[in-house]
Amino acid sequence: MWWSWIFVALLVFAVPAGAQSLEERMKSAAGAYERKGNIPKAIEAYSGLLKYPPAQLPAHYQLGLWYAQIGNQKNARDHLEKYRHLAAAIRGERESPRFQIATRELKKLDQ
């Protein structure tokens, strides 16, 4: 059992204080791909955020916009609708610019 405390101590002291979390690294990678114009790679990098409940709301939103940008209407609709469903449960989110943009993008997909 003493070895588990050694492992914990190694983790605490071996990981730098300014180290990015896995979520932050995924967001950074996706942003870098987007800036390079490689939206499919950005989608791939950002999709991992769907595993983390706090990150699901912005992940569905961004993935929906990216899928719409590359013409994948089915996935765009799925993610934007999931975003709107999750956002509806958060006070004030319906008035946010993101909610309005998601609504507008869904209307475009209906045309």
Foldseek 3Di string as FASTA:
>chain_A
DVVVVVVVVCVVPVDDPPDDDLQVVLCVQLVVCVVVVNLVVSLVSLVVQCVPVVSLLVSLLVNLVSCVVVPVLVSNLVSLVVNLVVQVVDPPSCVDPSVVVSVVSVVVSVD
